[in-house]
Amino acid sequence: MSKNINYTEAIVELEGIVSDIENASIGVDELSEKVKRAAELIKFCRSKLTSTEKEVNSILSSLSTEEKTDES
């Protein structure tokens, strides 16, 4: 997996792979490599979504804590 890829680029690449498979525009010889790459991209996207969710929850939690402190 390229270290410089971002979520949007991964999704675009994944959509391209899915399209190629659906349109039968890749040969049997390429299919295995495309499926492996798709699996890598899915793993990357899941990881990115999970880490983003944790970060957002942390931010929201800290805001909630600040609001409670301000109310005291």
Protein backbone atom coordinates (compact mmCIF):
# COMPACT_ATOMS: atom_id res chain seq x y z
CA MET A 1 0.00 0.00 0.00
CA SER A 2 1.33 3.39 -0.94
CA LYS A 3 2.05 5.42 2.19
CA ASN A 4 0.95 8.65 0.49
CA ILE A 5 -2.54 7.49 -0.45
CA ASN A 6 -5.50 9.12 1.26
CA TYR A 7 -9.02 7.85 1.85
CA THR A 8 -10.52 9.55 -1.20
CA GLU A 9 -7.82 8.19 -3.51
CA ALA A 10 -8.30 4.71 -2.06
CA ILE A 11 -12.05 4.85 -2.67
CA VAL A 12 -11.57 6.06 -6.25
CA GLU A 13 -9.09 3.27 -6.94
CA LEU A 14 -11.39 0.71 -5.33
CA GLU A 15 -14.33 1.92 -7.42
CA GLY A 16 -12.18 1.54 -10.54
CA ILE A 17 -11.28 -2.02 -9.63
CA VAL A 18 -14.93 -2.89 -8.98
CA SER A 19 -15.91 -1.34 -12.30
CA ASP A 20 -13.22 -3.28 -14.15
CA ILE A 21 -14.38 -6.53 -12.58
CA GLU A 22 -18.07 -5.83 -13.24
CA ASN A 23 -17.41 -4.90 -16.87
CA ALA A 24 -15.15 -7.92 -17.36
CA SER A 25 -12.48 -5.56 -18.67
CA ILE A 26 -9.69 -7.46 -16.92
CA GLY A 27 -8.42 -10.89 -17.74
CA VAL A 28 -8.35 -13.91 -15.49
CA ASP A 29 -4.60 -13.41 -15.06
CA GLU A 30 -5.14 -9.94 -13.60
CA LEU A 31 -8.14 -10.84 -11.47
CA SER A 32 -6.15 -12.21 -8.53
CA GLU A 33 -3.94 -9.11 -8.33
CA LYS A 34 -6.94 -6.78 -8.58
CA VAL A 35 -8.75 -8.66 -5.80
CA LYS A 36 -5.62 -8.51 -3.60
CA ARG A 37 -5.31 -4.77 -4.21
CA ALA A 38 -9.01 -4.29 -3.47
CA ALA A 39 -8.57 -6.14 -0.17
CA GLU A 40 -5.64 -3.87 0.76
CA LEU A 41 -7.69 -0.77 -0.08
CA ILE A 42 -10.68 -1.99 1.94
CA LYS A 43 -8.43 -2.68 4.93
CA PHE A 44 -6.90 0.79 4.63
CA CYS A 45 -10.32 2.47 4.37
CA ARG A 46 -11.70 0.59 7.37
CA SER A 47 -8.66 1.55 9.41
CA LYS A 48 -8.96 5.19 8.37
CA LEU A 49 -12.66 5.27 9.23
CA THR A 50 -12.05 3.68 12.63
CA SER A 51 -9.25 6.09 13.53
CA THR A 52 -11.30 9.07 12.35
CA GLU A 53 -14.28 7.92 14.41
CA LYS A 54 -12.09 7.61 17.52
CA GLU A 55 -10.62 11.07 16.92
CA VAL A 56 -14.04 12.66 16.44
CA ASN A 57 -15.40 10.94 19.56
CA SER A 58 -12.40 12.16 21.53
CA ILE A 59 -12.96 15.73 20.37
CA LEU A 60 -16.66 15.56 21.19
CA SER A 61 -15.89 14.07 24.59
CA SER A 62 -13.45 16.85 25.40
CA LEU A 63 -16.04 19.44 24.34
CA SER A 64 -18.58 17.81 26.61
CA THR A 65 -16.11 17.86 29.49
CA GLU A 66 -15.36 21.54 28.85
CA GLU A 67 -19.06 22.39 28.84
CA LYS A 68 -19.56 20.63 32.19
CA THR A 69 -16.58 22.53 33.64
CA ASP A 70 -17.91 25.84 32.33
CA GLU A 71 -21.31 25.18 33.94
CA SER A 72 -19.77 24.74 37.40
